[in-house]
Amino acid sequence: MRFIILIYIFTINIVGFIAFGIDKKRARDKTWRIPESTLFILSLLGGATGNLLGMKTFRHKTQKKKFTMGIPIILLINIFTFVYILHILL
């Protein structure tokens, strides 16, 4: 069970990272964008680390306070949640 949770965490973070890269490219190309709510949902589902790395790597959404403050806060919630879940499974 722990292995499945770790695979989930890894996968959702990769998805979040890629979403920021895609959204940055679409912003430059002036095409349809990924909604900000979707980026936040990915964070809430456990992808805050990937989203934060995507923000830094692609220099995307770094001027928006709701992202520069919101994603790190969600990351802390993710960490506490996953540590709690993994602790229960021990």
N, C-alpha and C. Protein backbone atom coordinates (compact mmCIF):
# COMPACT_ATOMS: atom_id res chain seq x y z
N MET A 1 0.82 -1.20 0.00
CA MET A 1 0.00 0.00 0.00
C MET A 1 0.87 1.27 0.00
N ARG A 2 1.95 1.26 0.79
CA ARG A 2 2.83 2.43 0.81
C ARG A 2 3.41 2.70 -0.56
N PHE A 3 3.74 1.61 -1.27
CA PHE A 3 4.33 1.74 -2.60
C PHE A 3 3.35 2.45 -3.54
N ILE A 4 2.08 2.11 -3.46
CA ILE A 4 1.06 2.73 -4.30
C ILE A 4 0.94 4.22 -3.99
N ILE A 5 0.99 4.57 -2.72
CA ILE A 5 0.92 5.98 -2.33
C ILE A 5 2.13 6.74 -2.86
N LEU A 6 3.30 6.16 -2.76
CA LEU A 6 4.51 6.82 -3.26
C LEU A 6 4.46 7.00 -4.78
N ILE A 7 3.95 6.00 -5.48
CA ILE A 7 3.78 6.12 -6.94
C ILE A 7 2.80 7.24 -7.26
N TYR A 8 1.70 7.33 -6.49
CA TYR A 8 0.72 8.39 -6.68
C TYR A 8 1.36 9.76 -6.49
N ILE A 9 2.10 9.92 -5.39
CA ILE A 9 2.75 11.21 -5.10
C ILE A 9 3.70 11.60 -6.23
N PHE A 10 4.50 10.65 -6.68
CA PHE A 10 5.44 10.90 -7.77
C PHE A 10 4.68 11.32 -9.03
N THR A 11 3.64 10.58 -9.38
CA THR A 11 2.89 10.83 -10.61
C THR A 11 2.19 12.19 -10.58
N ILE A 12 1.51 12.51 -9.50
CA ILE A 12 0.77 13.77 -9.44
C ILE A 12 1.73 14.97 -9.48
N ASN A 13 2.92 14.80 -8.94
CA ASN A 13 3.91 15.88 -9.00
C ASN A 13 4.48 16.05 -10.39
N ILE A 14 4.68 14.96 -11.11
CA ILE A 14 5.13 15.05 -12.51
C ILE A 14 4.05 15.76 -13.34
N VAL A 15 2.80 15.38 -13.12
CA VAL A 15 1.68 16.01 -13.85
C VAL A 15 1.64 17.52 -13.55
N GLY A 16 1.80 17.89 -12.29
CA GLY A 16 1.80 19.31 -11.93
C GLY A 16 2.94 20.08 -12.57
N PHE A 17 4.12 19.48 -12.57
CA PHE A 17 5.30 20.11 -13.18
C PHE A 17 5.06 20.33 -14.68
N ILE A 18 4.58 19.29 -15.35
CA ILE A 18 4.32 19.38 -16.79
C ILE A 18 3.23 20.40 -17.08
N ALA A 19 2.20 20.47 -16.24
CA ALA A 19 1.11 21.43 -16.44
C ALA A 19 1.63 22.87 -16.44
N PHE A 20 2.57 23.17 -15.54
CA PHE A 20 3.14 24.52 -15.52
C PHE A 20 3.94 24.79 -16.78
N GLY A 21 4.66 23.79 -17.26
CA GLY A 21 5.42 23.95 -18.50
C GLY A 21 4.51 24.18 -19.70
N ILE A 22 3.44 23.40 -19.78
CA ILE A 22 2.48 23.55 -20.88
C ILE A 22 1.81 24.92 -20.82
N ASP A 23 1.40 25.33 -19.62
CA ASP A 23 0.72 26.62 -19.48
C ASP A 23 1.65 27.77 -19.84
N LYS A 24 2.91 27.67 -19.48
CA LYS A 24 3.88 28.72 -19.83
C LYS A 24 4.03 28.81 -21.35
N LYS A 25 4.15 27.65 -22.00
CA LYS A 25 4.28 27.64 -23.47
C LYS A 25 3.04 28.23 -24.12
N ARG A 26 1.88 27.86 -23.62
CA ARG A 26 0.63 28.39 -24.18
C ARG A 26 0.50 29.89 -23.92
N ALA A 27 1.02 30.36 -22.81
CA ALA A 27 0.99 31.80 -22.53
C ALA A 27 1.84 32.54 -23.56
N ARG A 28 3.01 31.99 -23.86
CA ARG A 28 3.88 32.62 -24.87
C ARG A 28 3.24 32.58 -26.25
N ASP A 29 2.57 31.45 -26.57
CA ASP A 29 1.95 31.27 -27.88
C ASP A 29 0.59 31.96 -28.00
N LYS A 30 0.11 32.50 -26.88
CA LYS A 30 -1.20 33.15 -26.82
C LYS A 30 -2.32 32.23 -27.31
N THR A 31 -2.28 30.98 -26.81
CA THR A 31 -3.34 30.02 -27.11
C THR A 31 -4.09 29.69 -25.83
N TRP A 32 -5.04 28.75 -25.92
CA TRP A 32 -5.85 28.36 -24.78
C TRP A 32 -4.97 27.96 -23.61
N ARG A 33 -5.29 28.44 -22.42
CA ARG A 33 -4.47 28.23 -21.22
C ARG A 33 -5.11 27.23 -20.29
N ILE A 34 -4.30 26.67 -19.41
CA ILE A 34 -4.79 25.81 -18.34
C ILE A 34 -5.34 26.75 -17.26
N PRO A 35 -6.59 26.54 -16.83
CA PRO A 35 -7.15 27.41 -15.79
C PRO A 35 -6.32 27.38 -14.50
N GLU A 36 -6.23 28.53 -13.84
CA GLU A 36 -5.49 28.60 -12.57
C GLU A 36 -6.10 27.65 -11.55
N SER A 37 -7.41 27.48 -11.60
CA SER A 37 -8.06 26.56 -10.65
C SER A 37 -7.55 25.13 -10.84
N THR A 38 -7.28 24.75 -12.08
CA THR A 38 -6.75 23.40 -12.35
C THR A 38 -5.36 23.25 -11.74
N LEU A 39 -4.54 24.28 -11.85
CA LEU A 39 -3.20 24.23 -11.28
C LEU A 39 -3.28 24.10 -9.76
N PHE A 40 -4.21 24.80 -9.15
CA PHE A 40 -4.38 24.69 -7.70
C PHE A 40 -4.95 23.33 -7.30
N ILE A 41 -5.86 22.80 -8.08
CA ILE A 41 -6.42 21.47 -7.79
C ILE A 41 -5.32 20.42 -7.83
N LEU A 42 -4.43 20.52 -8.81
CA LEU A 42 -3.30 19.59 -8.87
C LEU A 42 -2.46 19.67 -7.60
N SER A 43 -2.28 20.88 -7.10
CA SER A 43 -1.53 21.06 -5.85
C SER A 43 -2.27 20.42 -4.68
N LEU A 44 -3.56 20.67 -4.60
CA LEU A 44 -4.36 20.12 -3.50
C LEU A 44 -4.42 18.60 -3.53
N LEU A 45 -4.31 18.03 -4.72
CA LEU A 45 -4.33 16.57 -4.85
C LEU A 45 -2.98 15.93 -4.53
N GLY A 46 -2.03 16.76 -4.13
CA GLY A 46 -0.73 16.23 -3.74
C GLY A 46 0.43 16.64 -4.63
N GLY A 47 0.17 17.47 -5.62
CA GLY A 47 1.21 17.85 -6.57
C GLY A 47 1.87 19.19 -6.32
N ALA A 48 1.82 19.66 -5.09
CA ALA A 48 2.37 20.99 -4.80
C ALA A 48 3.88 21.07 -5.04
N THR A 49 4.60 19.99 -4.77
CA THR A 49 6.05 20.01 -5.01
C THR A 49 6.34 20.18 -6.50
N GLY A 50 5.65 19.41 -7.32
CA GLY A 50 5.84 19.52 -8.78
C GLY A 50 5.43 20.89 -9.29
N ASN A 51 4.34 21.42 -8.74
CA ASN A 51 3.89 22.75 -9.16
C ASN A 51 4.91 23.81 -8.76
N LEU A 52 5.42 23.72 -7.56
CA LEU A 52 6.42 24.69 -7.11
C LEU A 52 7.68 24.61 -7.96
N LEU A 53 8.13 23.41 -8.25
CA LEU A 53 9.30 23.24 -9.13
C LEU A 53 9.00 23.76 -10.54
N GLY A 54 7.77 23.53 -11.01
CA GLY A 54 7.37 24.05 -12.32
C GLY A 54 7.35 25.57 -12.35
N MET A 55 6.86 26.18 -11.27
CA MET A 55 6.86 27.64 -11.18
C MET A 55 8.28 28.17 -11.30
N LYS A 56 9.19 27.57 -10.55
CA LYS A 56 10.58 28.05 -10.54
C LYS A 56 11.29 27.76 -11.85
N THR A 57 11.12 26.54 -12.37
CA THR A 57 11.82 26.13 -13.59
C THR A 57 11.38 26.95 -14.80
N PHE A 58 10.06 27.12 -14.95
CA PHE A 58 9.53 27.80 -16.12
C PHE A 58 9.29 29.29 -15.88
N ARG A 59 9.59 29.76 -14.67
CA ARG A 59 9.36 31.15 -14.29
C ARG A 59 7.94 31.58 -14.66
N HIS A 60 7.01 30.79 -14.14
CA HIS A 60 5.61 30.98 -14.50
C HIS A 60 4.78 31.19 -13.24
N LYS A 61 3.92 32.18 -13.27
CA LYS A 61 3.04 32.54 -12.16
C LYS A 61 3.83 33.02 -10.94
N THR A 62 5.05 33.46 -11.14
CA THR A 62 5.89 33.88 -10.02
C THR A 62 5.59 35.31 -9.57
N GLN A 63 4.79 36.03 -10.32
CA GLN A 63 4.42 37.39 -9.94
C GLN A 63 3.05 37.44 -9.26
N LYS A 64 2.39 36.31 -9.20
CA LYS A 64 1.04 36.26 -8.61
C LYS A 64 1.13 35.78 -7.18
N LYS A 65 0.71 36.64 -6.26
CA LYS A 65 0.79 36.31 -4.83
C LYS A 65 0.04 35.05 -4.47
N LYS A 66 -1.11 34.83 -5.11
CA LYS A 66 -1.87 33.64 -4.75
C LYS A 66 -1.11 32.37 -5.09
N PHE A 67 -0.18 32.44 -6.03
CA PHE A 67 0.65 31.28 -6.34
C PHE A 67 1.91 31.25 -5.49
N THR A 68 2.57 32.40 -5.34
CA THR A 68 3.82 32.42 -4.58
C THR A 68 3.60 32.14 -3.10
N MET A 69 2.40 32.41 -2.61
CA MET A 69 2.10 32.10 -1.21
C MET A 69 1.25 30.84 -1.09
N GLY A 70 0.31 30.67 -2.02
CA GLY A 70 -0.62 29.56 -1.94
C GLY A 70 0.01 28.19 -2.15
N ILE A 71 0.86 28.06 -3.16
CA ILE A 71 1.47 26.76 -3.46
C ILE A 71 2.37 26.30 -2.30
N PRO A 72 3.24 27.15 -1.74
CA PRO A 72 4.03 26.69 -0.59
C PRO A 72 3.17 26.28 0.62
N ILE A 73 2.07 26.99 0.86
CA ILE A 73 1.18 26.61 1.96
C ILE A 73 0.55 25.25 1.69
N ILE A 74 0.10 25.05 0.45
CA ILE A 74 -0.47 23.75 0.09
C ILE A 74 0.60 22.66 0.19
N LEU A 75 1.84 23.00 -0.15
CA LEU A 75 2.93 22.02 -0.03
C LEU A 75 3.08 21.56 1.42
N LEU A 76 3.01 22.48 2.36
CA LEU A 76 3.10 22.10 3.77
C LEU A 76 1.94 21.19 4.16
N ILE A 77 0.75 21.51 3.67
CA ILE A 77 -0.41 20.66 3.94
C ILE A 77 -0.19 19.28 3.33
N ASN A 78 0.34 19.23 2.09
CA ASN A 78 0.64 17.94 1.45
C ASN A 78 1.61 17.12 2.27
N ILE A 79 2.67 17.76 2.75
CA ILE A 79 3.69 17.04 3.52
C ILE A 79 3.07 16.45 4.78
N PHE A 80 2.35 17.27 5.54
CA PHE A 80 1.73 16.77 6.77
C PHE A 80 0.73 15.65 6.49
N THR A 81 -0.04 15.80 5.42
CA THR A 81 -1.03 14.79 5.07
C THR A 81 -0.37 13.47 4.71
N PHE A 82 0.65 13.52 3.84
CA PHE A 82 1.29 12.29 3.41
C PHE A 82 2.09 11.63 4.54
N VAL A 83 2.72 12.42 5.39
CA VAL A 83 3.42 11.85 6.54
C VAL A 83 2.42 11.16 7.46
N TYR A 84 1.29 11.80 7.68
CA TYR A 84 0.25 11.21 8.53
C TYR A 84 -0.26 9.89 7.93
N ILE A 85 -0.55 9.92 6.62
CA ILE A 85 -1.06 8.70 5.96
C ILE A 85 -0.02 7.60 6.01
N LEU A 86 1.23 7.91 5.71
CA LEU A 86 2.28 6.89 5.74
C LEU A 86 2.52 6.39 7.16
N HIS A 87 2.37 7.26 8.15
CA HIS A 87 2.53 6.86 9.56
C HIS A 87 1.45 5.87 9.97
N ILE A 88 0.24 6.10 9.50
CA ILE A 88 -0.88 5.20 9.81
C ILE A 88 -0.61 3.82 9.21
N LEU A 89 0.00 3.78 8.03
CA LEU A 89 0.23 2.51 7.36
C LEU A 89 1.41 1.72 7.91
N LEU A 90 2.20 2.34 8.78
CA LEU A 90 3.36 1.62 9.35
C LEU A 90 2.90 0.64 10.32
